[in-house]
Structure formats: structure tokens, C-alpha cells
N, C-alpha and C. Protein backbone atom coordinates (compact mmCIF):
# COMPACT_ATOMS: atom_id res chain seq x y z
N MET A 1 12.02 35.67 10.48
CA MET A 1 11.18 36.73 10.31
C MET A 1 11.34 37.94 11.56
N ALA A 2 12.62 38.18 11.77
CA ALA A 2 12.74 39.40 13.07
C ALA A 2 12.83 40.50 12.66
N THR A 3 12.56 41.30 13.47
CA THR A 3 12.71 42.45 13.42
C THR A 3 14.52 43.77 14.11
N THR A 4 14.72 43.83 12.80
CA THR A 4 15.95 44.58 13.66
C THR A 4 15.63 46.08 13.94
N PRO A 5 16.31 46.73 14.43
CA PRO A 5 16.16 48.00 15.44
C PRO A 5 15.58 49.28 14.73
N SER A 6 16.32 49.22 13.08
CA SER A 6 16.00 50.55 12.55
C SER A 6 14.75 49.99 11.99
N ASN A 7 14.07 50.77 10.58
CA ASN A 7 12.98 50.64 10.14
C ASN A 7 13.12 49.40 8.98
N THR A 8 13.78 48.63 9.35
CA THR A 8 13.98 47.34 8.59
C THR A 8 13.42 45.81 9.02
N VAL A 9 13.24 44.85 8.37
CA VAL A 9 12.73 43.78 8.78
C VAL A 9 13.34 42.86 8.02
N GLN A 10 13.53 41.70 8.41
CA GLN A 10 14.37 40.54 8.22
C GLN A 10 12.78 39.47 7.28
N VAL A 11 12.56 39.15 6.16
CA VAL A 11 11.53 38.31 5.70
C VAL A 11 12.37 36.89 5.20
N ARG A 12 11.82 35.84 4.80
CA ARG A 12 12.65 34.76 4.21
C ARG A 12 11.97 35.13 2.46
N VAL A 13 13.03 34.90 2.03
CA VAL A 13 12.96 34.90 0.27
C VAL A 13 11.63 34.46 -0.49
N GLU A 14 11.24 33.62 0.63
CA GLU A 14 9.80 32.69 -0.08
C GLU A 14 9.20 33.11 -0.07
N HIS A 15 8.65 33.84 1.14
CA HIS A 15 7.78 34.78 1.88
C HIS A 15 7.45 36.36 1.58
N LEU A 16 8.31 36.60 0.57
CA LEU A 16 8.30 37.92 0.55
C LEU A 16 7.38 38.39 -0.62
N VAL A 17 7.48 38.03 -1.60
CA VAL A 17 5.80 38.37 -2.06
C VAL A 17 4.58 38.45 -1.60
N LYS A 18 4.47 37.42 -0.65
CA LYS A 18 3.22 37.82 0.42
C LYS A 18 3.54 38.49 1.67
N TYR A 19 4.43 38.82 2.03
CA TYR A 19 4.63 39.61 2.54
C TYR A 19 4.00 41.05 2.45
N TYR A 20 4.84 41.15 1.40
CA TYR A 20 4.31 42.20 0.41
C TYR A 20 2.62 42.29 0.31
N ALA A 21 1.66 41.21 -0.24
CA ALA A 21 0.09 41.22 -0.14
C ALA A 21 -0.06 42.37 1.52
N CYS A 22 0.42 41.13 2.35
CA CYS A 22 0.02 41.45 3.92
C CYS A 22 0.63 42.73 4.71
N LEU A 23 1.50 43.57 4.00
CA LEU A 23 1.77 44.78 4.28
C LEU A 23 0.74 45.74 3.46
N ALA A 24 0.29 45.48 2.03
CA ALA A 24 -0.48 46.22 1.73
C ALA A 24 -1.94 46.45 2.52
N GLN A 25 -2.41 45.09 3.00
CA GLN A 25 -3.10 45.07 3.62
C GLN A 25 -2.85 45.86 5.04
N ALA A 26 -2.11 45.32 5.76
CA ALA A 26 -1.87 46.34 6.87
C ALA A 26 -2.14 47.67 7.07
N LEU A 27 -1.65 48.22 5.40
CA LEU A 27 -1.61 49.84 5.24
C LEU A 27 -2.97 49.75 4.88
N MET A 28 -3.65 49.46 4.52
CA MET A 28 -5.16 49.81 3.67
C MET A 28 -6.31 49.80 5.47
N GLU A 29 -5.66 48.51 6.54
CA GLU A 29 -6.50 48.34 7.73
C GLU A 29 -6.01 50.17 8.37
N ALA A 30 -4.85 50.37 8.02
CA ALA A 30 -4.46 51.83 8.76
C ALA A 30 -5.10 52.68 8.20
N GLY A 31 -5.50 52.79 7.18
CA GLY A 31 -6.72 54.02 6.62
C GLY A 31 -5.45 54.27 5.66
N ILE A 32 -5.06 53.59 5.22
CA ILE A 32 -4.04 54.31 3.66
C ILE A 32 -4.93 53.94 2.63
N THR A 33 -4.86 54.02 1.67
CA THR A 33 -5.72 53.30 0.56
C THR A 33 -5.28 54.16 -0.39
N GLY A 34 -5.67 53.84 -2.26
CA GLY A 34 -5.43 54.45 -3.26
C GLY A 34 -4.53 55.08 -3.60
N GLN A 35 -3.83 56.36 -3.85
CA GLN A 35 -2.78 56.69 -4.76
C GLN A 35 -2.19 57.07 -3.58
N ARG A 36 -2.30 57.04 -2.37
CA ARG A 36 -0.99 57.25 -0.86
C ARG A 36 -0.46 56.15 -1.10
N LEU A 37 -1.55 55.16 -1.23
CA LEU A 37 -0.89 53.50 -1.12
C LEU A 37 0.53 53.22 -1.78
N ASN A 38 -0.22 53.15 -3.32
CA ASN A 38 0.70 53.41 -4.52
C ASN A 38 2.35 54.32 -3.88
N GLU A 39 2.08 55.39 -3.35
CA GLU A 39 2.83 56.02 -3.36
C GLU A 39 4.15 55.56 -2.43
N LEU A 40 3.52 55.12 -1.50
CA LEU A 40 4.39 54.46 -0.36
C LEU A 40 5.25 53.51 -0.98
N PHE A 41 4.66 52.45 -1.29
CA PHE A 41 5.07 51.54 -1.95
C PHE A 41 6.58 51.80 -3.26
N SER A 42 5.96 52.62 -4.10
CA SER A 42 6.86 52.95 -5.08
C SER A 42 8.06 53.66 -4.57
N LYS A 43 7.91 54.23 -3.46
CA LYS A 43 9.04 55.22 -2.94
C LYS A 43 9.68 54.88 -1.37
N ASN A 44 9.12 54.25 -0.61
CA ASN A 44 9.07 54.08 0.59
C ASN A 44 9.46 52.42 1.15
N ILE A 45 9.30 51.62 0.07
CA ILE A 45 9.88 50.85 0.27
C ILE A 45 10.64 49.85 -0.69
N VAL A 46 11.96 49.23 0.10
CA VAL A 46 12.56 48.87 -0.96
C VAL A 46 12.71 46.83 0.30
N ALA A 47 12.79 45.80 -0.69
CA ALA A 47 13.91 44.82 -0.35
C ALA A 47 15.07 44.82 -0.78
N GLU A 48 15.80 44.31 0.25
CA GLU A 48 17.23 43.73 -0.78
C GLU A 48 17.80 42.57 0.23
N CYS A 49 18.66 41.87 -0.85
CA CYS A 49 18.89 40.37 -0.49
C CYS A 49 20.05 40.89 0.36
N MET A 50 20.16 40.02 1.57
CA MET A 50 21.28 39.75 2.51
C MET A 50 22.72 39.65 2.04
N ARG A 51 22.57 38.82 1.17
CA ARG A 51 23.72 38.35 0.47
C ARG A 51 24.00 38.97 -0.56
N CYS A 52 23.57 39.33 -1.86
CA CYS A 52 24.01 39.65 -3.13
C CYS A 52 24.01 41.58 -2.89
N ARG A 53 22.49 41.58 -1.96
CA ARG A 53 22.38 43.19 -1.97
C ARG A 53 21.69 44.32 -3.42
N ILE A 54 21.30 42.80 -4.11
CA ILE A 54 20.02 43.04 -4.88
C ILE A 54 19.11 43.64 -4.41
N ARG A 55 18.26 44.99 -5.20
CA ARG A 55 17.69 45.81 -4.62
C ARG A 55 16.52 45.38 -5.39
N VAL A 56 14.65 45.43 -4.82
CA VAL A 56 13.65 45.18 -5.30
C VAL A 56 12.84 46.27 -4.72
N THR A 57 12.29 47.02 -5.63
CA THR A 57 11.19 48.12 -5.32
C THR A 57 9.90 47.52 -5.09
N GLY A 58 9.54 48.60 -4.59
CA GLY A 58 8.13 48.02 -3.74
C GLY A 58 6.92 47.70 -5.15
N ASP A 59 7.25 48.61 -6.49
CA ASP A 59 6.76 48.37 -7.28
C ASP A 59 6.78 47.32 -8.08
N GLU A 60 8.13 46.71 -8.07
CA GLU A 60 8.58 45.49 -8.94
C GLU A 60 7.46 44.41 -8.16
N LEU A 61 7.74 44.49 -6.52
CA LEU A 61 7.26 43.21 -5.92
C LEU A 61 5.48 43.15 -6.09
N ALA A 62 4.90 45.23 -6.87
CA ALA A 62 3.38 44.55 -6.99
C ALA A 62 3.00 44.22 -8.24
N VAL A 63 4.21 44.17 -9.37
CA VAL A 63 3.78 43.18 -10.74
C VAL A 63 3.63 41.88 -10.40
N ILE A 64 4.74 41.71 -9.44
CA ILE A 64 4.61 39.89 -9.06
C ILE A 64 3.54 39.92 -8.16
N ALA A 65 3.20 40.56 -7.42
CA ALA A 65 1.72 40.22 -6.70
C ALA A 65 0.61 40.28 -7.22
N VAL A 66 0.50 41.21 -8.38
CA VAL A 66 -0.98 41.24 -8.97
C VAL A 66 -0.70 40.17 -9.68
N THR A 67 0.13 39.80 -10.36
CA THR A 67 0.30 39.31 -11.48
C THR A 67 -0.48 37.60 -11.38
N ASP A 68 -0.98 37.03 -12.19
CA ASP A 68 -1.93 35.96 -12.06
C ASP A 68 -0.52 34.51 -12.30
N LYS A 69 -0.54 33.86 -11.46
CA LYS A 69 0.36 32.64 -10.92
C LYS A 69 0.45 32.11 -12.15
N ASN A 70 -0.18 31.81 -13.30
CA ASN A 70 0.22 30.71 -14.32
C ASN A 70 0.82 31.64 -15.53
N ALA A 71 0.57 33.21 -15.48
CA ALA A 71 0.66 34.22 -16.06
C ALA A 71 2.56 34.13 -16.45
N LYS A 72 3.10 34.66 -17.36
CA LYS A 72 5.04 34.96 -17.63
C LYS A 72 4.59 36.03 -17.23
N LEU A 73 5.80 36.65 -16.45
CA LEU A 73 6.61 38.18 -15.98
C LEU A 73 7.18 38.41 -17.09
N SER A 74 7.32 39.74 -16.88
CA SER A 74 8.02 40.14 -17.90
C SER A 74 9.56 40.26 -17.78
N HIS A 75 10.24 39.96 -16.59
CA HIS A 75 11.86 39.62 -16.61
C HIS A 75 11.91 38.47 -15.34
N PRO A 76 13.10 38.08 -15.77
CA PRO A 76 13.13 36.72 -15.80
C PRO A 76 13.71 36.96 -14.02
N LYS A 77 13.69 37.93 -14.06
CA LYS A 77 13.98 38.17 -11.93
C LYS A 77 12.46 38.48 -10.94
N PHE A 78 11.65 38.87 -11.74
CA PHE A 78 10.04 38.28 -10.91
C PHE A 78 10.10 37.22 -11.05
N GLU A 79 10.22 36.07 -11.81
CA GLU A 79 10.01 35.17 -12.58
C GLU A 79 10.69 34.18 -10.81
N ARG A 80 12.07 34.43 -10.88
CA ARG A 80 12.90 33.59 -9.56
C ARG A 80 12.09 34.38 -8.23
N LEU A 81 11.63 35.25 -8.27
CA LEU A 81 11.13 35.90 -6.92
C LEU A 81 9.89 35.61 -6.81
N ARG A 82 9.14 34.85 -7.37
CA ARG A 82 7.82 34.30 -7.60
C ARG A 82 7.96 33.09 -7.13
N CYS A 83 9.57 32.15 -7.92
CA CYS A 83 9.70 30.93 -7.28
C CYS A 83 10.01 30.72 -5.66
N GLY A 84 10.47 31.76 -5.07
CA GLY A 84 10.84 31.32 -3.76
C GLY A 84 12.27 31.75 -3.78
N CYS A 85 13.13 32.24 -5.21
CA CYS A 85 14.32 32.59 -4.97
C CYS A 85 14.90 34.08 -4.96
N CYS A 86 15.97 34.17 -4.90
CA CYS A 86 16.62 35.46 -5.13
C CYS A 86 16.93 36.07 -6.15
N ALA A 87 16.53 36.97 -6.13
CA ALA A 87 15.98 38.16 -7.86
C ALA A 87 17.19 37.85 -8.64
N ARG A 88 18.43 37.47 -7.92
CA ARG A 88 20.07 37.62 -9.23
C ARG A 88 20.15 36.26 -9.10
N GLU A 89 20.41 35.54 -10.62
CA GLU A 89 20.58 34.15 -11.07
C GLU A 89 21.42 33.75 -10.17
N GLY A 90 21.98 32.33 -9.34
CA GLY A 90 22.70 32.02 -9.15
C GLY A 90 23.13 32.59 -7.21
N CYS A 91 22.04 33.61 -6.88
CA CYS A 91 22.61 33.62 -5.57
C CYS A 91 21.69 32.84 -4.69
N GLU A 92 22.17 32.19 -3.98
CA GLU A 92 20.98 31.14 -2.99
C GLU A 92 20.67 31.87 -1.55
N SER A 93 20.98 32.89 -1.42
CA SER A 93 20.43 33.77 0.03
C SER A 93 19.06 33.12 0.08
N PHE A 94 18.91 33.40 1.47
CA PHE A 94 17.53 32.48 1.91
C PHE A 94 16.90 33.68 2.38
N SER A 95 17.08 34.79 2.54
CA SER A 95 16.43 36.12 3.62
C SER A 95 16.69 37.39 2.69
N TYR A 96 15.49 38.40 2.52
CA TYR A 96 15.38 39.71 2.23
C TYR A 96 15.22 40.58 3.53
N PHE A 97 16.05 42.15 3.33
CA PHE A 97 15.64 42.99 4.28
C PHE A 97 14.61 43.80 3.65
N VAL A 98 13.40 44.43 4.46
CA VAL A 98 12.64 44.81 3.92
C VAL A 98 12.60 46.03 4.51
N HIS A 99 12.87 47.42 3.41
CA HIS A 99 13.47 48.54 4.34
C HIS A 99 12.49 50.02 3.93
N PHE A 100 12.18 50.47 5.21
CA PHE A 100 11.22 51.39 5.29
C PHE A 100 11.72 52.61 5.12
N GLN A 101 11.30 53.77 4.41
CA GLN A 101 11.92 55.00 4.42
C GLN A 101 10.65 55.89 5.52
N ASN A 102 11.81 56.54 6.03
CA ASN A 102 11.34 57.79 6.79
C ASN A 102 10.64 58.93 6.80
N GLY A 103 9.81 59.28 6.97
CA GLY A 103 9.20 60.64 6.69
C GLY A 103 8.26 60.99 5.91
N CYS A 104 6.99 59.67 6.00
CA CYS A 104 5.70 59.65 5.41
C CYS A 104 4.10 59.69 6.31
N ASN A 105 4.77 59.85 7.30
CA ASN A 105 3.84 60.33 8.41
C ASN A 105 3.19 58.41 8.78
N VAL A 106 4.21 57.40 8.50
CA VAL A 106 3.61 55.94 9.11
C VAL A 106 4.32 55.31 10.19
N GLU A 107 3.57 54.96 10.83
CA GLU A 107 4.33 53.52 11.73
C GLU A 107 4.38 52.47 11.59
N TRP A 108 5.77 52.73 11.01
CA TRP A 108 6.77 51.38 10.27
C TRP A 108 6.27 49.95 11.06
N ARG A 109 6.34 50.15 12.26
CA ARG A 109 7.00 48.82 12.81
C ARG A 109 5.75 48.27 13.80
N ALA A 110 4.77 48.72 13.57
CA ALA A 110 3.16 48.70 13.88
C ALA A 110 2.60 48.35 12.50
N ILE A 111 2.77 48.76 11.64
CA ILE A 111 2.68 47.83 10.13
C ILE A 111 3.42 46.56 9.87
N ALA A 112 4.67 46.82 10.01
CA ALA A 112 5.45 45.92 9.98
C ALA A 112 5.13 44.52 10.75
N GLU A 113 4.48 44.81 11.71
CA GLU A 113 4.07 43.82 13.03
C GLU A 113 2.90 42.80 12.64
N LYS A 114 2.27 43.83 11.98
CA LYS A 114 0.50 43.30 11.25
C LYS A 114 0.83 42.60 10.40
N ALA A 115 1.74 42.90 9.15
CA ALA A 115 1.74 42.69 7.95
C ALA A 115 2.33 41.05 8.36
N PHE A 116 3.27 40.94 9.35
CA PHE A 116 4.01 39.59 10.17
C PHE A 116 2.73 38.77 10.61
N GLN A 117 1.68 39.01 11.11
CA GLN A 117 0.29 38.86 11.92
C GLN A 117 -0.09 37.90 10.33
N LEU A 118 -0.47 38.90 9.73
CA LEU A 118 -1.38 38.47 8.91
C LEU A 118 -0.69 37.66 7.73
N LEU A 119 0.99 37.00 7.90
CA LEU A 119 1.36 36.33 6.95
C LEU A 119 1.59 35.23 7.92
N THR A 120 1.42 35.76 8.89
CA THR A 120 1.37 33.51 9.78
C THR A 120 0.20 33.51 9.99
N ALA A 121 -1.14 34.37 9.40
CA ALA A 121 -2.46 33.47 9.43
C ALA A 121 -2.55 33.13 8.26
N MET A 122 -2.01 34.20 7.24
CA MET A 122 -2.22 33.36 5.94
C MET A 122 -1.15 31.68 5.51
N GLU A 123 -0.31 31.89 6.16
CA GLU A 123 0.42 30.06 5.92
C GLU A 123 -0.16 29.53 6.91
N LEU A 124 -0.83 29.37 7.74
CA LEU A 124 -1.39 28.97 8.79
C LEU A 124 -2.72 28.00 7.61
N LYS A 125 -3.08 28.91 7.08
CA LYS A 125 -4.24 28.61 6.33
C LYS A 125 -4.04 28.28 5.25
N GLU A 126 -3.07 28.54 4.76
CA GLU A 126 -2.53 27.73 3.28
C GLU A 126 -2.16 26.19 3.75
N ARG A 127 -1.19 25.63 5.31
CA ARG A 127 -1.06 24.68 5.57
C ARG A 127 -2.54 24.03 5.99
N GLU A 128 -3.20 24.38 6.78
CA GLU A 128 -4.47 23.62 6.51
C GLU A 128 -5.35 23.23 5.63
N GLN A 129 -4.92 23.76 4.39
CA GLN A 129 -5.82 23.76 3.13
C GLN A 129 -5.06 22.82 2.70
N GLN A 130 -4.23 22.80 3.07
CA GLN A 130 -2.98 21.65 2.15
C GLN A 130 -3.24 20.00 2.91
N LYS A 131 -3.58 20.95 4.07
CA LYS A 131 -4.13 19.20 5.26
C LYS A 131 -4.85 18.31 4.93
N LEU A 132 -6.27 19.38 4.14
CA LEU A 132 -7.20 18.75 3.63
C LEU A 132 -7.14 18.09 2.93
N ALA A 133 -6.87 19.30 1.61
CA ALA A 133 -6.54 18.05 0.56
C ALA A 133 -5.92 17.14 0.15
N GLY A 134 -4.93 16.74 1.23
CA GLY A 134 -4.06 15.40 1.11
C GLY A 134 -5.02 14.86 1.53
N VAL A 135 -5.63 14.72 2.76
CA VAL A 135 -6.89 14.21 3.27
C VAL A 135 -7.93 13.85 2.36
N HIS A 136 -8.13 14.24 1.64
CA HIS A 136 -9.30 14.12 0.04
C HIS A 136 -8.59 13.66 -0.69
N GLU A 137 -7.33 13.83 -1.37
CA GLU A 137 -6.84 12.47 -1.88
C GLU A 137 -6.31 11.75 -1.61
N ARG A 138 -6.39 10.89 -0.62
CA ARG A 138 -6.11 9.61 0.19
C ARG A 138 -6.91 8.85 0.50
N LYS A 139 -8.75 10.26 0.64
CA LYS A 139 -9.40 9.47 0.48
C LYS A 139 -9.69 8.67 -0.98
N ARG A 140 -9.59 9.54 -1.95
CA ARG A 140 -9.95 8.64 -3.26
C ARG A 140 -8.83 8.03 -3.47
N ARG A 141 -8.09 7.78 -3.05
CA ARG A 141 -6.90 6.91 -3.43
C ARG A 141 -7.69 5.62 -2.73
N VAL A 142 -8.09 5.16 -1.58
CA VAL A 142 -8.93 4.13 -0.91
C VAL A 142 -9.49 3.90 -1.69
N GLN A 143 -10.72 5.09 -1.85
CA GLN A 143 -11.85 4.60 -2.67
C GLN A 143 -11.28 4.04 -4.21
N ARG A 144 -10.94 4.41 -5.24
CA ARG A 144 -10.21 3.80 -5.84
C ARG A 144 -9.80 2.26 -6.03
N MET A 145 -9.07 2.11 -4.66
CA MET A 145 -8.79 0.55 -4.68
C MET A 145 -9.40 0.03 -4.22
N ALA A 146 -10.41 -0.04 -3.65
CA ALA A 146 -11.67 -0.48 -2.97
C ALA A 146 -12.63 -1.04 -4.30
N ILE A 147 -12.75 0.08 -5.23
CA ILE A 147 -13.61 -0.15 -6.31
C ILE A 147 -12.98 -1.45 -7.50
N GLY A 148 -11.52 -1.21 -7.69
CA GLY A 148 -10.53 -2.18 -8.34
C GLY A 148 -10.78 -3.62 -8.05
N MET A 149 -10.25 -3.26 -6.37
CA MET A 149 -10.63 -5.07 -5.59
C MET A 149 -12.04 -5.39 -5.77
N ALA A 150 -13.03 -4.71 -6.04
CA ALA A 150 -14.49 -5.38 -5.95
C ALA A 150 -14.22 -5.83 -7.57
N MET A 151 -14.12 -4.55 -8.43
CA MET A 151 -13.98 -5.22 -10.08
C MET A 151 -13.80 -6.46 -10.25
N MET A 152 -12.07 -6.36 -9.53
CA MET A 152 -11.18 -7.79 -10.05
C MET A 152 -11.98 -9.05 -8.91
N THR A 153 -12.49 -8.70 -7.67
CA THR A 153 -13.12 -10.53 -7.39
C THR A 153 -14.31 -10.81 -8.04
N GLY A 154 -14.98 -9.65 -8.57
CA GLY A 154 -16.14 -9.99 -9.27
C GLY A 154 -16.15 -10.64 -10.73
N LEU A 155 -15.16 -10.32 -11.22
CA LEU A 155 -14.38 -10.39 -12.35
C LEU A 155 -14.01 -12.19 -12.11
N LEU A 156 -12.79 -12.33 -11.18
CA LEU A 156 -12.50 -13.56 -10.93
C LEU A 156 -14.16 -15.09 -10.74
N LEU A 157 -14.56 -13.80 -10.28
CA LEU A 157 -15.86 -15.22 -9.33
C LEU A 157 -16.79 -15.44 -11.04
N VAL A 158 -17.30 -14.85 -11.33
CA VAL A 158 -17.30 -14.65 -12.77
C VAL A 158 -16.66 -15.97 -13.95
N ARG A 159 -15.02 -15.80 -13.38
CA ARG A 159 -14.57 -16.62 -14.59
C ARG A 159 -14.53 -17.96 -13.59
N PHE A 160 -14.77 -18.04 -12.07
CA PHE A 160 -14.88 -19.23 -11.38
C PHE A 160 -16.33 -20.23 -12.12
N VAL A 161 -17.41 -19.02 -11.81
CA VAL A 161 -18.60 -19.97 -12.30
C VAL A 161 -18.40 -20.37 -13.93
N TRP A 162 -17.63 -19.42 -14.82
CA TRP A 162 -18.27 -19.82 -16.03
C TRP A 162 -17.62 -21.04 -16.51
N HIS A 163 -16.23 -21.14 -15.49
CA HIS A 163 -15.08 -22.40 -15.76
C HIS A 163 -16.54 -24.12 -15.27
N ASN A 164 -16.53 -23.63 -13.85
CA ASN A 164 -17.40 -24.58 -12.83
C ASN A 164 -18.53 -24.98 -13.12
N GLY A 165 -19.08 -24.07 -13.56
CA GLY A 165 -20.77 -23.71 -13.45
C GLY A 165 -21.53 -23.94 -11.76
N ARG A 166 -20.52 -22.81 -10.65
CA ARG A 166 -21.30 -22.94 -10.04
C ARG A 166 -20.75 -22.18 -9.28
N LEU A 167 -21.24 -21.25 -8.03
CA LEU A 167 -20.37 -20.47 -7.31
C LEU A 167 -19.23 -21.50 -6.67
N PRO A 168 -18.29 -20.66 -6.09
CA PRO A 168 -17.49 -21.27 -4.76
C PRO A 168 -17.51 -21.57 -3.56
N LEU A 169 -17.24 -22.38 -2.85
CA LEU A 169 -18.32 -22.59 -1.56
C LEU A 169 -19.03 -22.86 -1.66
N VAL A 170 -19.71 -23.53 -2.37
CA VAL A 170 -21.32 -24.25 -3.24
C VAL A 170 -21.06 -25.14 -3.52
N HIS A 171 -21.68 -26.38 -3.33
CA HIS A 171 -21.87 -27.89 -3.67
C HIS A 171 -22.94 -28.13 -3.75
N LYS A 172 -23.37 -28.54 -5.03
CA LYS A 172 -24.46 -29.63 -5.60
C LYS A 172 -24.76 -30.92 -5.24
N THR A 173 -25.96 -31.16 -4.54
CA THR A 173 -26.26 -32.12 -3.71
C THR A 173 -26.46 -33.14 -5.20
N PRO A 174 -25.59 -34.10 -5.54
CA PRO A 174 -25.66 -34.73 -6.31
C PRO A 174 -27.24 -35.45 -7.26
N LYS A 175 -26.98 -35.04 -8.46
CA LYS A 175 -29.09 -35.76 -9.15
C LYS A 175 -28.92 -36.80 -8.91
N TYR A 176 -27.54 -37.99 -8.65
CA TYR A 176 -27.95 -39.38 -8.92
C TYR A 176 -26.95 -40.01 -7.91
N GLN A 177 -28.04 -41.07 -7.54
CA GLN A 177 -26.64 -42.05 -6.50
C GLN A 177 -26.60 -43.09 -6.73
N VAL A 178 -25.63 -43.80 -6.50
CA VAL A 178 -24.76 -44.62 -6.70
C VAL A 178 -24.93 -45.86 -6.12
N ASP A 179 -25.47 -47.04 -6.21
CA ASP A 179 -25.76 -47.99 -5.29
C ASP A 179 -25.19 -48.64 -4.30
N ALA A 180 -24.32 -48.59 -3.71
CA ALA A 180 -22.92 -49.38 -3.76
C ALA A 180 -23.20 -50.99 -3.81
N SER A 181 -24.56 -51.57 -3.72
CA SER A 181 -24.32 -53.09 -3.63
C SER A 181 -25.13 -53.35 -5.02
N PHE A 182 -25.09 -52.21 -5.80
CA PHE A 182 -25.37 -52.46 -7.52
C PHE A 182 -23.68 -52.69 -7.96
N ALA A 183 -23.23 -52.23 -7.75
CA ALA A 183 -21.60 -52.04 -7.73
C ALA A 183 -20.72 -52.97 -7.47
N VAL A 184 -20.93 -53.71 -6.19
CA VAL A 184 -20.00 -54.94 -6.02
C VAL A 184 -20.58 -56.11 -6.99
N ARG A 185 -21.86 -56.13 -7.04
CA ARG A 185 -22.37 -57.34 -7.96
C ARG A 185 -21.94 -57.68 -9.43
N THR A 186 -21.55 -56.76 -9.40
CA THR A 186 -21.45 -55.87 -11.29
C THR A 186 -19.87 -56.37 -11.83
N ARG A 187 -19.02 -56.92 -10.58
CA ARG A 187 -17.94 -56.95 -11.02
C ARG A 187 -17.66 -58.70 -11.00
């Protein structure tokens, strides 16, 4: 994610759709909203693959960004972009150039830098959420394993009592005692 000297930034392909959302947020924080925001994205922002040079417009990125993750998109290239791959099938590029057109009275460098800051903050938040979800999942597994082991121990204990009539490690004192002198006389 490096900035080049012109009004172009390099974005990893898996972050392209998130970068679009961060770019929109940065423009809104700069006071650009509504129709002007839509106009800027449709006319002044284009993403281009570094390897195959396929172009994706701001409107196309908007379609991907606003569509629900579970919904099917209208074109296969949108599906590939949403998955973090190049829009062109078979291209294995890792980055896109996002070009900003001049002549619209927008300080693109500041907006692009703010969008990268927002993207970094979003990624940190997602990593933290994944980390917490992993901890929660491990905790659930340990709880399930403990419950399973407790049930198995209980079943083994019930089986032992059923067959032996007593608890393990507990010995009953015999009810009757044999007189040793009596056993010798009878022989």
C-alpha cells in the first residue's frame, strides 16, 4: 500500500473493496456527500490491475461494496473482486492501482492517506475480533471436552457400581467373621 508520485495509489487486491469503503468514508469526513460523492466515484476514480491492466470503475466497486456478502453479484468479475482476486479470470495479480482524476477540487493525497488510515484501523479491528472469536471457540471446545469426560467418568462409575455393588476404592467391612480356631478343628 504505497503512494506513487502522481494521483495514484497501490492497493492489494484483497483490500480493494474495503479501500473503496474507506475512501467513501474519508470523502464524507471531508464534507463531500450525496450526489457529489457519487459523481466523484463514477467519473474520477478508476482501479487498474498491475498485471493484466483490467479496469474497474468506482461505480463497479460501489456495486460490490453495497451488496450483501451472501447475495450473488451480477457479473463474475465482481464475485472475483469480492473474493480478493483480480477481476480478470486467470490473472494472479496481487495489487491494483487506484487512479484519481484531477480537476474536481479534491485533495486526493490527503483523502487517500486518510483512507489508508481507516483501512488499517478496520483491519486491526477485524483481527482483534477474529482473535476473540478464536479464544471463544477454544473455550467452548474445552468446556465440551470437560463435559464429555465428566459424563464418561460418571457412566464408568455407574457401571462399576452395577457390577460390583459398591463404589471403587470403598471396601465394606465383612458382615461375618470366620473363627480361625473353628476352621482348624473341622479338618
